[in-house]
Protein backbone atom coordinates (compact mmCIF):
# COMPACT_ATOMS: atom_id res chain seq x y z
CA MET A 1 5.57 -70.11 93.42
CA GLU A 2 6.64 -73.22 94.45
CA HIS A 3 8.51 -75.29 91.93
CA GLN A 4 7.60 -79.06 92.12
CA HIS A 5 9.60 -81.83 90.34
CA ASN A 6 6.61 -84.66 91.13
CA GLN A 7 3.56 -85.27 89.57
CA LYS A 8 2.15 -88.36 91.76
CA ASP A 9 -0.44 -87.49 94.18
CA ASN A 10 -1.29 -83.90 92.41
CA PRO A 11 -5.01 -84.17 92.23
CA LEU A 12 -4.61 -80.90 89.39
CA ILE A 13 -2.12 -82.63 87.62
CA HIS A 14 -3.77 -85.91 87.78
CA ASP A 15 -7.08 -84.54 86.92
CA LEU A 16 -5.53 -82.48 84.06
CA VAL A 17 -4.31 -85.17 82.55
CA THR A 18 -6.76 -88.18 83.07
CA LYS A 19 -10.14 -85.64 82.81
CA GLY A 20 -8.99 -83.11 81.16
CA PHE A 21 -8.67 -79.08 81.04
CA ILE A 22 -12.64 -78.63 81.11
CA TYR A 23 -13.25 -80.86 84.05
CA THR A 24 -10.04 -79.52 85.99
CA THR A 25 -11.10 -76.22 85.53
CA LEU A 26 -15.11 -76.85 86.45
CA HIS A 27 -14.26 -78.96 89.27
CA HIS A 28 -11.31 -77.52 91.00
CA LEU A 29 -12.60 -74.27 92.41
CA SER A 30 -9.28 -73.51 93.78
CA TRP A 31 -5.90 -73.69 91.92
CA PRO A 32 -3.24 -73.30 94.32
CA GLN A 33 -0.18 -71.33 92.79
CA GLN A 34 2.64 -73.78 91.71
CA THR A 35 5.21 -74.97 88.71
CA LEU A 36 5.65 -78.32 88.03
CA THR A 37 7.62 -80.50 85.77
CA VAL A 38 5.73 -83.31 84.64
CA ASP A 39 7.07 -86.67 83.56
CA ASN A 40 7.76 -85.85 79.63
CA GLY A 41 9.32 -83.11 80.66
CA LEU A 42 6.81 -79.78 79.86
CA VAL A 43 7.03 -77.53 83.04
CA LEU A 44 3.04 -77.00 83.99
CA ARG A 45 2.53 -73.57 85.90
CA PHE A 46 -0.65 -72.73 87.29
CA TYR A 47 -1.87 -69.20 88.11
CA HIS A 48 -5.59 -69.19 88.83
CA ARG A 49 -8.51 -71.95 88.13
CA GLY A 50 -8.62 -71.56 84.46
CA MET A 51 -5.29 -70.16 83.69
CA LEU A 52 -2.41 -72.45 82.64
CA SER A 53 0.87 -72.33 80.66
CA ILE A 54 2.85 -74.95 79.19
CA THR A 55 6.06 -74.57 78.76
CA PRO A 56 8.94 -76.78 76.94
CA ALA A 57 11.93 -78.31 78.55
CA LYS A 58 14.37 -76.55 76.30
CA TYR A 59 13.27 -74.00 73.56
CA LYS A 60 15.22 -71.24 71.40
CA GLY A 61 13.52 -67.61 70.75
CA ASP A 62 11.29 -65.67 72.74
CA SER A 63 8.31 -66.27 71.30
CA ALA A 64 4.52 -67.00 73.10
CA THR A 65 1.24 -67.68 72.50
CA VAL A 66 -1.89 -67.28 74.12
CA ILE A 67 -5.24 -69.57 73.78
CA SER A 68 -8.47 -68.07 75.29
CA VAL A 69 -11.86 -69.55 75.45
CA GLY A 70 -14.88 -68.78 77.52
CA ILE A 71 -14.67 -65.20 78.21
CA HIS A 72 -18.36 -66.04 77.63
CA GLY A 73 -19.21 -68.50 79.61
CA ASP A 74 -21.91 -70.18 77.17
CA GLU A 75 -19.70 -70.21 73.90
CA THR A 76 -18.54 -74.08 74.39
CA GLY A 77 -17.31 -74.97 71.06
CA PRO A 78 -14.04 -73.36 72.04
CA ILE A 79 -13.73 -74.41 75.08
CA GLU A 80 -14.07 -77.95 74.03
CA LEU A 81 -11.39 -77.00 71.16
CA ALA A 82 -9.03 -75.72 73.84
CA ASP A 83 -9.80 -79.12 76.00
CA LYS A 84 -8.36 -81.32 73.43
CA LEU A 85 -5.30 -79.09 72.23
CA VAL A 86 -4.05 -78.94 75.98
CA THR A 87 -5.03 -82.97 76.28
CA GLN A 88 -2.76 -83.02 72.89
CA VAL A 89 0.23 -80.80 74.02
CA LEU A 90 0.13 -82.78 77.56
CA SER A 91 0.31 -86.09 75.68
CA GLY A 92 2.94 -85.18 73.50
CA GLU A 93 0.65 -85.37 70.08
CA VAL A 94 0.98 -81.87 69.53
CA THR A 95 4.77 -80.03 70.39
CA ILE A 96 4.90 -76.95 71.72
CA SER A 97 7.95 -75.01 70.58
CA HIS A 98 7.84 -72.41 73.10
CA PRO A 99 5.53 -70.83 76.21
CA CYS A 100 1.90 -71.31 75.64
CA LEU A 101 -0.46 -69.89 78.07
CA PHE A 102 -4.26 -71.23 78.03
CA ILE A 103 -7.07 -69.32 79.42
CA PHE A 104 -10.77 -70.77 80.17
CA ALA A 105 -11.84 -67.59 81.55
CA HIS A 106 -15.53 -67.77 83.03
CA PRO A 107 -16.33 -71.23 84.22
CA ASP A 108 -18.92 -70.17 86.51
CA ALA A 109 -20.53 -68.72 83.70
CA THR A 110 -20.10 -72.02 81.78
CA ILE A 111 -21.56 -74.19 84.54
CA LYS A 112 -24.87 -71.50 84.63
CA LYS A 113 -25.24 -71.60 80.85
CA GLN A 114 -25.01 -68.25 80.63
CA ARG A 115 -22.80 -65.49 78.70
CA PHE A 116 -22.10 -63.47 82.06
CA ILE A 117 -23.30 -63.28 85.65
CA GLU A 118 -23.40 -59.52 86.23
CA GLN A 119 -21.59 -57.58 82.90
CA ASN A 120 -20.28 -58.57 79.61
CA LEU A 121 -16.22 -59.45 80.41
CA ASN A 122 -15.23 -58.91 76.59
CA GLN A 123 -15.74 -55.17 77.31
CA LEU A 124 -13.59 -54.64 80.73
CA PHE A 125 -10.21 -54.99 78.92
CA GLU A 126 -9.09 -51.49 79.47
CA MET A 127 -5.71 -50.85 81.26
CA SER A 128 -5.66 -47.80 82.98
CA THR A 129 -9.01 -46.24 84.01
CA MET A 130 -11.74 -48.79 84.58
CA GLN A 131 -12.64 -49.69 88.36
CA ILE A 132 -12.46 -53.04 89.08
CA ARG A 133 -16.05 -54.45 90.24
CA GLY A 134 -18.26 -57.31 90.55
CA ILE A 135 -17.40 -60.88 89.41
CA GLU A 136 -16.42 -60.11 86.14
CA GLY A 137 -14.37 -57.22 86.94
CA GLU A 138 -12.47 -59.59 88.99
CA ILE A 139 -11.84 -61.94 86.23
CA ALA A 140 -10.71 -59.23 83.97
CA ALA A 141 -8.15 -58.04 86.73
CA LYS A 142 -6.21 -61.54 87.17
CA ILE A 143 -6.37 -62.01 83.18
CA LYS A 144 -4.72 -58.97 83.01
CA ASP A 145 -2.37 -59.58 85.56
CA VAL A 146 -1.06 -63.46 84.31
CA VAL A 147 -0.81 -62.00 80.93
CA GLU A 148 1.53 -59.39 81.74
CA LEU A 149 3.53 -62.11 84.25
CA PHE A 150 3.14 -64.53 81.04
CA PHE A 151 4.52 -62.25 78.41
CA GLU A 152 7.25 -60.52 80.51
CA ARG A 153 9.91 -62.70 78.92
CA SER A 154 8.98 -62.71 75.26
CA SER A 155 9.74 -59.94 72.38
CA GLY A 156 6.76 -58.21 71.46
CA LYS A 157 6.91 -59.05 68.01
CA LYS A 158 6.52 -63.16 68.55
CA ARG A 159 3.75 -62.51 70.61
CA TRP A 160 0.48 -63.57 69.86
CA HIS A 161 -3.30 -64.42 71.32
CA LEU A 162 -6.04 -65.92 70.18
CA ASP A 163 -8.96 -65.45 71.23
CA LEU A 164 -11.88 -67.92 70.32
CA HIS A 165 -15.54 -67.14 70.29
CA CYS A 166 -19.00 -68.91 68.57
CA SER A 167 -21.69 -66.62 67.38
CA SER A 168 -25.33 -66.92 68.31
CA ARG A 169 -26.05 -66.24 64.68
CA PRO A 170 -25.40 -68.95 61.72
CA SER A 171 -22.63 -66.95 59.41
CA GLN A 172 -21.98 -67.02 55.61
CA TYR A 173 -18.36 -67.78 56.95
CA PRO A 174 -18.75 -70.35 59.55
CA VAL A 175 -15.07 -69.36 60.63
CA PHE A 176 -14.01 -65.78 60.74
CA ALA A 177 -11.95 -63.27 62.69
CA ILE A 178 -12.05 -59.80 64.01
CA ARG A 179 -8.79 -58.04 63.88
CA PRO A 180 -8.90 -55.51 66.57
CA ALA A 181 -7.35 -51.63 66.22
CA THR A 182 -4.02 -51.30 67.93
CA ARG A 183 -1.50 -48.89 67.58
CA HIS A 184 0.66 -51.70 66.39
CA GLN A 185 -0.77 -52.56 63.21
CA SER A 186 1.67 -52.61 60.49
CA ASP A 187 1.72 -54.17 57.02
CA ASP A 188 3.67 -56.94 58.38
CA THR A 189 1.61 -58.23 61.33
CA ASP A 190 -1.27 -58.00 58.91
CA GLN A 191 0.53 -60.49 56.71
CA GLU A 192 1.56 -63.13 59.32
CA LEU A 193 -2.21 -62.58 60.63
CA LYS A 194 -2.96 -63.86 56.83
CA TYR A 195 -0.82 -66.64 57.07
CA PHE A 196 -2.29 -67.97 60.20
CA ALA A 197 -5.78 -67.17 58.49
CA GLN A 198 -5.05 -69.27 55.49
CA HIS A 199 -3.29 -72.17 57.36
CA ALA A 200 -6.42 -72.14 59.35
CA ASP A 201 -9.06 -72.22 57.00
CA VAL A 202 -10.64 -68.92 58.10
CA GLN A 203 -13.22 -67.50 55.59
CA ALA A 204 -13.28 -64.11 55.99
CA VAL A 205 -11.58 -61.31 58.47
CA LEU A 206 -13.34 -58.16 60.07
CA LEU A 207 -10.70 -55.19 60.34
CA CYS A 208 -11.56 -52.41 62.76
CA HIS A 209 -10.43 -49.32 62.97
CA HIS A 210 -11.10 -47.83 66.41
CA PRO A 211 -9.98 -49.20 70.02
CA SER A 212 -12.25 -51.32 72.06
CA TYR A 213 -12.33 -53.09 75.41
CA ALA A 214 -12.50 -56.73 74.39
CA PHE A 215 -9.52 -59.12 75.49
CA SER A 216 -7.64 -59.28 71.97
CA TRP A 217 -7.52 -55.47 71.31
CA TYR A 218 -6.25 -55.42 75.10
CA THR A 219 -3.08 -57.52 74.30
CA GLY A 220 -2.62 -56.36 70.92
CA GLU A 221 -2.40 -52.53 71.95
CA TYR A 222 -0.33 -53.21 75.27
CA PHE A 223 1.88 -56.17 74.42
CA GLN A 224 2.25 -55.61 70.61
CA ALA A 225 0.82 -59.15 70.28
CA LYS A 226 -0.88 -60.43 66.71
CA SER A 227 -4.59 -60.64 68.35
CA LEU A 228 -7.61 -61.81 66.92
CA THR A 229 -10.97 -62.92 67.87
CA ILE A 230 -11.63 -66.23 65.99
CA GLU A 231 -15.50 -66.82 65.63
CA LEU A 232 -16.11 -70.73 65.44
CA GLY A 233 -19.50 -71.61 64.31
CA GLN A 234 -22.56 -71.27 66.55
CA LEU A 235 -23.64 -71.43 70.06
CA ARG A 236 -24.27 -75.14 71.16
CA ALA A 237 -24.31 -76.57 74.89
CA LEU A 238 -21.23 -78.34 76.42
CA GLY A 239 -20.73 -81.46 75.12
CA GLU A 240 -23.00 -81.23 71.55
CA ASN A 241 -20.13 -79.58 69.33
CA ASP A 242 -18.66 -81.13 66.13
CA LEU A 243 -15.50 -80.59 66.63
CA SER A 244 -14.94 -82.41 62.92
CA VAL A 245 -16.06 -79.21 61.72
CA PHE A 246 -12.54 -77.12 62.81
CA THR A 247 -10.22 -79.49 61.99
CA SER A 248 -8.47 -77.57 59.50
CA PHE A 249 -8.55 -74.35 62.44
CA LEU A 250 -6.91 -77.20 64.58
CA SER A 251 -4.33 -77.89 62.55
CA GLY A 252 -2.99 -74.04 61.99
CA MET A 253 -3.39 -73.63 65.75
CA HIS A 254 -0.67 -76.79 65.64
CA LEU A 255 1.49 -74.98 63.41
CA LEU A 256 1.15 -71.91 65.32
CA LEU A 257 2.58 -73.27 68.79
CA ASN A 258 4.87 -75.27 66.84
CA ARG A 259 6.51 -72.35 64.68
CA ASN A 260 10.04 -71.22 64.85
CA GLU A 261 10.27 -67.80 65.21
CA LYS A 262 6.67 -67.08 62.93
CA VAL A 263 3.58 -68.20 61.20
CA ASP A 264 5.26 -68.22 57.67
CA ASP A 265 3.65 -69.59 53.79
CA VAL A 266 5.36 -72.13 53.31
CA ASN A 267 3.24 -75.03 51.94
CA CYS A 268 0.37 -72.56 52.42
CA MET A 269 -2.97 -72.56 50.72
CA ASN A 270 -3.62 -69.84 48.71
CA GLN A 271 -7.40 -69.85 48.94
CA ASP A 272 -8.90 -66.44 49.38
CA ILE A 273 -9.96 -64.67 52.47
CA ALA A 274 -12.79 -62.78 52.52
CA VAL A 275 -11.62 -58.98 53.89
CA TYR A 276 -14.63 -56.65 55.31
CA ASP A 277 -14.22 -53.43 57.12
CA VAL A 278 -16.12 -52.18 60.16
CA VAL A 279 -18.23 -49.28 59.04
CA ASP A 280 -19.97 -48.25 62.04
CA GLU A 281 -20.54 -50.01 65.52
CA ILE A 282 -24.34 -49.66 66.20
CA ARG A 283 -25.29 -48.93 69.93
CA LYS A 284 -28.50 -49.76 71.41
CA GLN A 285 -29.36 -45.84 72.13
CA HIS A 286 -33.82 -46.61 72.72
CA SER A 287 -35.36 -49.47 74.65
CA ASP A 288 -37.47 -50.11 71.43
CA LEU A 289 -34.61 -51.12 68.88
CA ALA A 290 -35.81 -53.60 66.64
CA PHE A 291 -33.86 -55.43 63.65
CA THR A 292 -36.22 -55.84 61.08
CA ALA A 293 -34.33 -56.93 58.22
CA ARG A 294 -33.96 -60.92 57.84
CA GLN A 295 -30.31 -60.34 56.72
CA ALA A 296 -30.34 -59.74 60.57
CA LEU A 297 -30.24 -63.77 61.36
CA ILE A 298 -27.25 -64.48 58.97
CA ASN A 299 -23.95 -62.78 59.58
CA PHE A 300 -22.57 -61.02 56.60
CA GLU A 301 -25.56 -61.70 54.53
CA PRO A 302 -25.74 -58.53 52.08
CA LEU A 303 -28.32 -55.86 52.96
CA TYR A 304 -29.98 -54.04 49.79
CA LEU A 305 -29.34 -50.36 49.12
CA ASN A 306 -31.96 -48.20 50.81
CA GLN A 307 -33.03 -51.37 52.55
CA VAL A 308 -34.99 -50.54 55.97
CA TYR A 309 -32.99 -52.89 58.53
CA GLY A 310 -34.12 -52.05 61.41
CA MET A 311 -36.03 -49.15 63.83
CA GLN A 312 -34.48 -47.48 66.66
CA GLY A 313 -36.17 -44.26 68.82
CA GLY A 314 -39.01 -44.03 66.14
CA ALA A 315 -36.92 -43.34 63.32
CA PRO A 316 -35.86 -46.18 60.71
CA MET A 317 -32.36 -47.52 60.13
CA ILE A 318 -31.67 -47.42 56.34
CA CYS A 319 -28.79 -49.14 54.66
CA GLU A 320 -26.58 -46.44 52.83
CA SER A 321 -24.84 -48.97 50.28
CA GLY A 322 -25.35 -51.91 48.68
CA GLY A 323 -22.16 -54.06 49.63
CA HIS A 324 -23.19 -53.75 53.36
CA ALA A 325 -23.90 -56.38 55.73
CA LEU A 326 -25.01 -56.85 59.88
CA VAL A 327 -22.30 -59.14 61.74
CA PHE A 328 -23.76 -60.13 65.64
CA ALA A 329 -26.87 -58.47 65.40
CA ASN A 330 -28.57 -58.31 68.67
CA ASP A 331 -31.75 -55.59 70.01
CA LYS A 332 -31.71 -57.74 73.01
CA VAL A 333 -28.55 -56.23 74.68
CA ASP A 334 -28.79 -53.36 77.43
CA VAL A 335 -29.39 -49.68 76.40
CA GLY A 336 -25.98 -48.26 75.57
CA GLN A 337 -24.70 -51.61 74.87
CA ARG A 338 -23.07 -52.89 71.05
CA ALA A 339 -26.50 -54.23 69.65
CA ALA A 340 -24.13 -54.78 65.54
CA LEU A 341 -21.59 -53.96 63.42
CA LEU A 342 -22.40 -53.05 60.30
CA VAL A 343 -19.49 -54.00 57.78
CA GLU A 344 -18.45 -53.79 54.42
CA ARG A 345 -16.40 -55.91 51.82
CA ILE A 346 -13.23 -54.85 50.49
CA ARG A 347 -11.50 -57.53 49.06
């Protein structure tokens, strides 16, 4: 990968600096692989379309952070947030203390205003056995290669990954996180995740207990990263998102990118964060699946004990606990796909 030291006459750099990360990703279909030092000393490395790392000229330690958006192309709020963050870093408004990789994963789906084109990209991040096929399969393979290359000079204990999404449903908690289940979970890791969540005004955390093939699971499982999927508000068209409602979250990201060795609890607000366990992952097994409870329309809205909240295969789906709720309820998915998470608040 060629290393240049002059940003003049480079159309990719020009558009990135003057028009932003979104514009450059959507309008430059090809990103020549190159490394370039810009005028303020930041080192930019272009991997593939929508995949850019920014490294300070001098840094200590072996930390590394990945910020990913657009795994689902129609989830535009996080894409706009990443665009703002990249602009702040390039302009020097936000200082980074270590290498940071920004990924706008599926720009073609964003252009088409679709979640995906052929298959759900966020179910393709399994390392060893899944075959590469189709548009999303090729994207997943490129992302995995880039993440492995990016993380190779960092320490497992100092790697972070935030995969930013937004929900099609309103939620009792406008900003919430999903902690994937990996081999590397520990009390210390959970404590650092909690510190970040408090800094970033994350209102609730879902704890998963079974492996998945989501991107945040992949980075946690194979690279020991402190990984979270973050849900930020609801779906909106590109350009119609009010980023002011995510001011606290953006401030938390600033702290994460400017950390020394870890996100600590200095000056941390001590607000309560609701914690939920994932009790069950509801799969669509029959084409007649239908969620009938009004609570299915709002993430985390509590179900009632013995309430029938849906029908599948001609049989009722009954709530067995007054503490249960549904998250990501969607009975329109294909047979075999996840249709909802059944969750229970534990604190």
